[in-house]
């Protein structure tokens, strides 16, 4: 029987992950949001550091947003961190975690998958989950080449193990992550290969979804040094990398060349800074989910104090202070080409 075989396999072979060894609604929420669009192996050290800093939902709710972003820095998709804190604040204000999918979905940043995961794993509700791993397993079980969202959720609910939904959902996800992988699936080691309609040609399922071409754009940034410190600017709240710190500069329109003139104009327009721009120090390539960005970093010095930017949005920072600020991976890359600043 598929249910018995899969649950037995999971009990024996599942990874001992920190949010599985100590289960709570809070830890499950943090892990699920961190694991969205990020590999588990990447998440593990971030999860441990995050839980050390914010061990309870109350601690996260009360923390300064900059401290939350600092602990999240490097994971990307920073709206997840903001939503996580907003969800924590809603939980505290409401007197605890909702126990139903509908209640959980009312929390900021919690969609059907995360709500189903918390409801089933923590509260024992008979609720399904569908992520990429589950969709792939179901698609192969039923030889469904182009599964729709509705089909996947209906199938997930139909195969649910009543009374053991939490274990079952995790077993499906684990199977997809470790055995029924996108490429080179290990069908010979699959505990539920019998009856799988896609076993003879597993990589056919699900069919390839066409991806949009990712555009490439250019940016310029200034490395302004003073007595071993570098000038950083905080990005406006909202939007990509909102609230994080970076070298001053700007993303350029397609027709603008990434040269010294473009940086002078960007610094004046964005920050009200008059600057003398020197030689380029290097160009850093970075890929977001929707964009390839090439940032050319120039040595620069200031001719004036900031004019059109709040003073708390500019900061002189020593290398030793960098870990106390929320810096994106891109910001750390660009800092890495500044003289005296090793890539951190």
Protein backbone atom coordinates (compact mmCIF):
# COMPACT_ATOMS: atom_id res chain seq x y z
CA UNK A 1 0.00 0.00 0.00
CA UNK A 2 1.39 3.37 -1.05
CA UNK A 3 0.54 5.13 2.22
CA UNK A 4 2.20 2.52 4.43
CA UNK A 5 5.30 2.27 2.24
CA UNK A 6 5.87 6.01 1.97
CA UNK A 7 5.35 6.73 5.66
CA UNK A 8 7.67 3.86 6.63
CA UNK A 9 10.33 5.17 4.27
CA UNK A 10 9.98 8.68 5.67
CA UNK A 11 10.24 7.49 9.26
CA UNK A 12 13.54 5.82 8.45
CA UNK A 13 15.14 8.07 5.84
CA UNK A 14 14.03 11.65 6.44
CA UNK A 15 16.58 14.36 7.07
CA UNK A 16 16.91 15.51 10.69
CA UNK A 17 16.19 19.18 10.13
CA UNK A 18 16.05 21.62 13.06
CA UNK A 19 12.43 22.56 12.47
CA UNK A 20 11.52 18.86 12.49
CA UNK A 21 13.38 17.93 15.66
CA UNK A 22 11.69 20.74 17.58
CA UNK A 23 8.25 21.41 16.11
CA UNK A 24 6.22 24.55 16.77
CA UNK A 25 4.02 26.82 14.71
CA UNK A 26 6.61 29.58 14.95
CA UNK A 27 9.56 27.44 13.86
CA UNK A 28 7.52 25.93 11.05
CA UNK A 29 6.47 29.38 9.84
CA UNK A 30 10.07 30.62 9.83
CA UNK A 31 11.37 27.51 8.03
CA UNK A 32 8.63 27.52 5.39
CA UNK A 33 9.13 31.18 4.51
CA UNK A 34 12.89 30.74 4.42
CA UNK A 35 12.62 27.68 2.18
CA UNK A 36 10.47 29.45 -0.38
CA UNK A 37 12.61 29.61 -3.54
CA UNK A 38 15.71 28.64 -1.50
CA UNK A 39 17.38 25.26 -1.05
CA UNK A 40 17.18 23.62 2.37
CA UNK A 41 20.98 23.30 2.54
CA UNK A 42 21.29 27.05 2.07
CA UNK A 43 18.63 27.80 4.67
CA UNK A 44 20.06 25.72 7.53
CA UNK A 45 22.69 28.16 8.90
CA UNK A 46 20.35 31.12 8.40
CA UNK A 47 17.58 29.34 10.32
CA UNK A 48 19.84 28.59 13.27
CA UNK A 49 21.13 32.18 13.46
CA UNK A 50 17.64 33.59 13.07
CA UNK A 51 16.27 31.42 15.88
CA UNK A 52 19.20 32.38 18.12
CA UNK A 53 18.36 36.06 17.57
CA UNK A 54 14.56 35.69 17.72
CA UNK A 55 13.79 32.51 19.69
CA UNK A 56 10.07 33.25 20.08
CA UNK A 57 7.34 34.80 18.00
CA UNK A 58 7.17 37.62 20.56
CA UNK A 59 10.89 38.34 20.14
CA UNK A 60 10.48 38.61 16.39
CA UNK A 61 7.38 40.78 16.67
CA UNK A 62 9.19 43.26 18.95
CA UNK A 63 12.52 43.38 17.11
CA UNK A 64 13.66 46.41 15.07
CA UNK A 65 13.04 45.72 11.40
CA UNK A 66 16.68 46.47 10.58
CA UNK A 67 17.77 43.71 12.99
CA UNK A 68 15.43 41.27 11.24
CA UNK A 69 16.77 42.22 7.82
CA UNK A 70 20.35 41.87 9.09
CA UNK A 71 19.71 38.27 10.16
CA UNK A 72 17.99 37.59 6.85
CA UNK A 73 20.66 39.24 4.70
CA UNK A 74 22.01 36.86 2.06
CA UNK A 75 18.83 34.80 1.70
CA UNK A 76 17.31 37.22 -0.81
CA UNK A 77 13.62 37.86 -1.48
CA UNK A 78 13.57 40.28 1.43
CA UNK A 79 9.80 40.74 1.32
CA UNK A 80 9.70 37.32 3.01
CA UNK A 81 11.50 38.74 6.05
CA UNK A 82 9.16 41.71 6.26
CA UNK A 83 6.10 39.49 5.91
CA UNK A 84 7.49 37.12 8.51
CA UNK A 85 7.77 39.93 11.05
CA UNK A 86 4.32 41.25 10.16
CA UNK A 87 2.91 37.75 10.60
CA UNK A 88 4.60 37.49 13.99
CA UNK A 89 3.09 40.81 15.02
CA UNK A 90 -0.36 39.64 13.89
CA UNK A 91 0.04 36.40 15.86
CA UNK A 92 1.02 38.27 19.02
CA UNK A 93 -1.81 40.78 18.58
CA UNK A 94 -4.27 37.92 18.08
CA UNK A 95 -3.16 36.03 21.15
CA UNK A 96 -1.55 33.09 19.33
CA UNK A 97 -1.37 31.21 16.08
CA UNK A 98 -4.62 30.46 14.24
CA UNK A 99 -5.21 26.70 14.03
CA UNK A 100 -7.12 26.61 10.74
CA UNK A 101 -5.99 27.11 7.15
CA UNK A 102 -8.35 30.07 6.77
CA UNK A 103 -6.98 31.73 9.89
CA UNK A 104 -3.38 31.08 8.93
CA UNK A 105 -3.91 32.45 5.42
CA UNK A 106 -4.97 35.75 6.94
CA UNK A 107 -1.41 36.23 8.20
CA UNK A 108 0.88 38.41 6.02
CA UNK A 109 2.92 36.37 3.55
CA UNK A 110 1.15 33.07 4.30
CA UNK A 111 -0.26 31.37 1.23
CA UNK A 112 -2.05 28.05 0.82
CA UNK A 113 1.12 25.96 0.97
CA UNK A 114 2.48 27.51 4.18
CA UNK A 115 -0.96 27.48 5.79
CA UNK A 116 -1.40 23.81 4.92
CA UNK A 117 2.05 22.97 6.24
CA UNK A 118 1.49 24.63 9.63
CA UNK A 119 -2.07 23.30 9.98
CA UNK A 120 -1.07 19.72 9.21
CA UNK A 121 2.41 19.47 10.75
CA UNK A 122 1.75 21.46 13.92
CA UNK A 123 -1.98 21.16 14.56
CA UNK A 124 -2.69 17.77 12.98
CA UNK A 125 -5.30 19.04 10.54
CA UNK A 126 -6.10 16.90 7.50
CA UNK A 127 -4.89 19.52 5.04
CA UNK A 128 -2.73 18.97 1.93
CA UNK A 129 0.27 20.94 0.71
CA UNK A 130 1.54 21.49 -2.80
CA UNK A 131 5.02 22.79 -3.55
CA UNK A 132 7.29 22.00 -6.48
CA UNK A 133 8.33 18.67 -5.02
CA UNK A 134 4.77 17.52 -4.33
CA UNK A 135 3.58 18.64 -7.75
CA UNK A 136 6.37 16.65 -9.42
CA UNK A 137 5.64 13.48 -7.43
CA UNK A 138 1.93 13.66 -8.19
CA UNK A 139 2.53 14.46 -11.84
CA UNK A 140 4.65 11.31 -12.19
CA UNK A 141 2.35 9.09 -10.16
CA UNK A 142 -0.54 9.95 -12.48
CA UNK A 143 1.46 10.65 -15.69
CA UNK A 144 0.02 14.15 -15.82
CA UNK A 145 2.25 16.05 -18.21
CA UNK A 146 0.84 19.53 -17.60
CA UNK A 147 -0.64 19.61 -14.09
CA UNK A 148 -2.63 22.72 -13.28
CA UNK A 149 -2.65 24.29 -9.83
CA UNK A 150 -6.21 23.08 -9.29
CA UNK A 151 -5.40 19.53 -10.41
CA UNK A 152 -2.37 19.36 -8.10
CA UNK A 153 -4.30 20.51 -5.03
CA UNK A 154 -7.19 18.17 -5.78
CA UNK A 155 -4.81 15.21 -6.18
CA UNK A 156 -2.92 16.16 -3.02
CA UNK A 157 -6.13 16.17 -1.03
CA UNK A 158 -7.29 12.90 -2.61
CA UNK A 159 -4.13 10.99 -1.58
CA UNK A 160 -3.88 12.54 1.89
CA UNK A 161 -3.33 10.09 4.76
CA UNK A 162 -6.17 10.87 7.22
CA UNK A 163 -4.95 11.43 10.74
CA UNK A 164 -1.31 11.54 9.61
CA UNK A 165 -1.41 14.48 7.22
CA UNK A 166 1.64 16.18 8.72
CA UNK A 167 3.86 13.14 8.27
CA UNK A 168 2.36 12.43 4.85
CA UNK A 169 2.94 15.95 3.55
CA UNK A 170 6.53 15.93 4.75
CA UNK A 171 7.07 12.50 3.25
CA UNK A 172 5.85 13.68 -0.16
CA UNK A 173 8.12 16.71 0.00
CA UNK A 174 11.08 14.60 1.12
CA UNK A 175 10.46 12.10 -1.65
CA UNK A 176 10.49 14.87 -4.24
CA UNK A 177 13.60 16.47 -2.78
CA UNK A 178 15.71 13.30 -2.45
CA UNK A 179 14.36 10.58 -4.75
CA UNK A 180 11.83 11.90 -7.27
CA UNK A 181 14.15 14.71 -8.32
CA UNK A 182 13.70 16.87 -11.43
CA UNK A 183 16.66 15.25 -13.20
CA UNK A 184 17.96 11.70 -12.84
CA UNK A 185 15.27 10.54 -10.40
CA UNK A 186 16.22 7.40 -8.44
CA UNK A 187 13.21 5.31 -9.38
CA UNK A 188 15.02 2.12 -8.34
CA UNK A 189 15.21 3.41 -4.77
CA UNK A 190 11.68 4.81 -4.64
CA UNK A 191 9.51 3.23 -1.93
CA UNK A 192 6.34 3.84 -3.96
CA UNK A 193 7.53 3.11 -7.51
CA UNK A 194 4.97 0.34 -7.88
CA UNK A 195 1.92 1.80 -9.54
CA UNK A 196 3.69 5.01 -10.65
CA UNK A 197 2.38 5.65 -14.16
CA UNK A 198 5.34 7.86 -15.07
CA UNK A 199 8.06 5.47 -13.98
CA UNK A 200 9.19 4.51 -17.51
CA UNK A 201 9.82 8.13 -18.51
CA UNK A 202 9.81 10.18 -15.30
CA UNK A 203 11.58 13.23 -16.66
CA UNK A 204 8.72 13.74 -19.04
CA UNK A 205 6.57 14.73 -16.06
CA UNK A 206 5.74 17.46 -15.44
CA UNK A 207 6.29 19.03 -18.84
CA UNK A 208 8.72 21.89 -19.21
CA UNK A 209 7.18 25.27 -18.52
CA UNK A 210 8.49 28.05 -20.72
CA UNK A 211 10.41 30.69 -18.81
CA UNK A 212 10.60 34.34 -19.72
CA UNK A 213 13.97 35.63 -20.79
CA UNK A 214 15.74 37.43 -17.94
CA UNK A 215 16.85 40.93 -19.03
CA UNK A 216 20.33 42.29 -18.33
CA UNK A 217 20.77 45.82 -17.04
CA UNK A 218 23.63 48.00 -15.83
CA UNK A 219 24.25 50.05 -12.72
CA UNK A 220 26.95 52.29 -11.24
CA UNK A 221 28.08 52.63 -7.63
CA UNK A 222 30.53 54.83 -5.76
CA UNK A 223 33.20 53.63 -3.34
CA UNK A 224 33.69 56.71 -1.17
CA UNK A 225 36.33 56.08 1.51
CA UNK A 226 37.27 58.12 4.57
CA UNK A 227 39.82 56.91 7.13
CA UNK A 228 39.07 53.24 6.42
CA UNK A 229 35.30 53.76 6.38
CA UNK A 230 33.03 53.52 3.37
CA UNK A 231 29.88 55.55 2.71
CA UNK A 232 26.69 53.50 2.55
CA UNK A 233 23.14 54.52 1.73
CA UNK A 234 19.92 52.85 2.80
CA UNK A 235 17.46 51.96 0.07
CA UNK A 236 13.90 53.30 0.41
CA UNK A 237 11.38 51.02 2.11
CA UNK A 238 9.39 48.88 -0.29
CA UNK A 239 10.50 47.54 -3.63
CA UNK A 240 13.53 45.40 -4.33
CA UNK A 241 15.99 45.28 -1.41
CA UNK A 242 13.93 47.87 0.46
CA UNK A 243 15.55 49.09 3.68
CA UNK A 244 18.91 47.43 2.99
CA UNK A 245 22.24 49.27 2.86
CA UNK A 246 24.48 49.55 -0.21
CA UNK A 247 27.08 51.69 -1.92
CA UNK A 248 25.52 54.89 -3.28
CA UNK A 249 24.67 54.71 -6.96
CA UNK A 250 21.82 53.80 -9.27
CA UNK A 251 20.50 51.39 -11.85
CA UNK A 252 20.74 52.93 -15.32
CA UNK A 253 18.35 53.25 -18.21
CA UNK A 254 19.27 51.00 -21.13
CA UNK A 255 20.64 53.83 -23.26
CA UNK A 256 22.95 55.21 -20.55
CA UNK A 257 26.56 54.06 -20.42
CA UNK A 258 27.95 52.98 -17.01
CA UNK A 259 30.64 55.64 -16.88
CA UNK A 260 31.78 58.37 -14.49
CA UNK A 261 29.31 60.88 -15.90
CA UNK A 262 26.40 58.54 -15.21
CA UNK A 263 27.54 58.08 -11.61
CA UNK A 264 27.96 61.83 -11.03
CA UNK A 265 24.43 62.42 -12.31
CA UNK A 266 23.00 59.54 -10.25
CA UNK A 267 24.59 60.73 -7.01
CA UNK A 268 23.30 64.26 -7.53
CA UNK A 269 19.77 63.16 -8.49
CA UNK A 270 19.30 60.47 -5.87
CA UNK A 271 21.23 61.88 -2.90
CA UNK A 272 21.98 65.52 -3.65
CA UNK A 273 25.68 64.70 -3.55
CA UNK A 274 28.32 66.48 -5.62
CA UNK A 275 31.13 64.04 -6.26
CA UNK A 276 34.39 63.65 -8.12
CA UNK A 277 34.49 60.22 -9.75
CA UNK A 278 37.77 58.50 -10.45
CA UNK A 279 38.78 55.22 -12.05
CA UNK A 280 36.56 52.14 -12.19
CA UNK A 281 37.46 49.55 -9.56
CA UNK A 282 35.64 46.63 -11.13
CA UNK A 283 32.30 45.35 -12.38
CA UNK A 284 30.19 42.98 -10.32
CA UNK A 285 27.63 40.65 -11.89
CA UNK A 286 24.59 39.56 -9.88
CA UNK A 287 21.42 37.72 -10.84
CA UNK A 288 18.04 38.28 -9.24
CA UNK A 289 15.05 36.08 -10.08
CA UNK A 290 13.95 38.51 -12.77
CA UNK A 291 17.08 40.44 -13.68
CA UNK A 292 20.80 40.17 -14.44
CA UNK A 293 22.54 43.28 -13.12
CA UNK A 294 26.11 44.39 -13.91
CA UNK A 295 27.30 47.05 -11.46
CA UNK A 296 30.44 49.05 -12.20
CA UNK A 297 32.05 50.42 -9.03
CA UNK A 298 34.10 53.63 -9.21
CA UNK A 299 36.40 55.30 -6.71
CA UNK A 300 34.87 58.64 -5.72
CA UNK A 301 35.16 61.54 -3.30
CA UNK A 302 32.55 64.03 -2.12
CA UNK A 303 32.52 67.74 -2.86
CA UNK A 304 29.48 68.50 -0.72
CA UNK A 305 27.37 67.18 2.10
CA UNK A 306 24.10 65.36 1.33
CA UNK A 307 21.28 67.63 0.30
CA UNK A 308 18.12 65.70 -0.55
CA UNK A 309 18.44 62.60 1.60
CA UNK A 310 17.67 62.12 5.29
CA UNK A 311 20.78 61.95 7.43
CA UNK A 312 19.77 58.56 8.88
CA UNK A 313 19.83 57.08 5.39
CA UNK A 314 23.59 57.66 5.02
CA UNK A 315 26.24 56.05 7.18
CA UNK A 316 30.03 55.77 7.32
CA UNK A 317 30.89 52.16 8.10
CA UNK A 318 34.09 50.32 9.09
CA UNK A 319 34.53 46.76 7.76
CA UNK A 320 34.02 45.35 11.27
CA UNK A 321 30.59 47.00 11.41
CA UNK A 322 29.32 45.45 8.19
CA UNK A 323 27.81 42.40 9.88
CA UNK A 324 25.65 44.68 12.03
CA UNK A 325 23.85 46.06 8.97
CA UNK A 326 21.40 44.40 6.59
CA UNK A 327 23.47 44.10 3.41
CA UNK A 328 22.30 42.22 0.36
CA UNK A 329 24.58 39.75 -1.42
CA UNK A 330 24.94 42.33 -4.19
CA UNK A 331 26.03 44.99 -1.68
CA UNK A 332 28.65 42.66 -0.25
CA UNK A 333 29.94 41.92 -3.76
CA UNK A 334 30.32 45.60 -4.60
CA UNK A 335 32.00 46.29 -1.24
CA UNK A 336 34.44 43.53 -2.10
CA UNK A 337 36.03 45.64 -4.86
CA UNK A 338 36.59 48.67 -2.61
CA UNK A 339 40.23 49.05 -1.53
CA UNK A 340 40.76 47.63 1.92
CA UNK A 341 37.41 45.82 1.96
CA UNK A 342 37.62 42.08 1.52
CA UNK A 343 34.49 40.41 0.10
CA UNK A 344 32.49 39.38 3.15
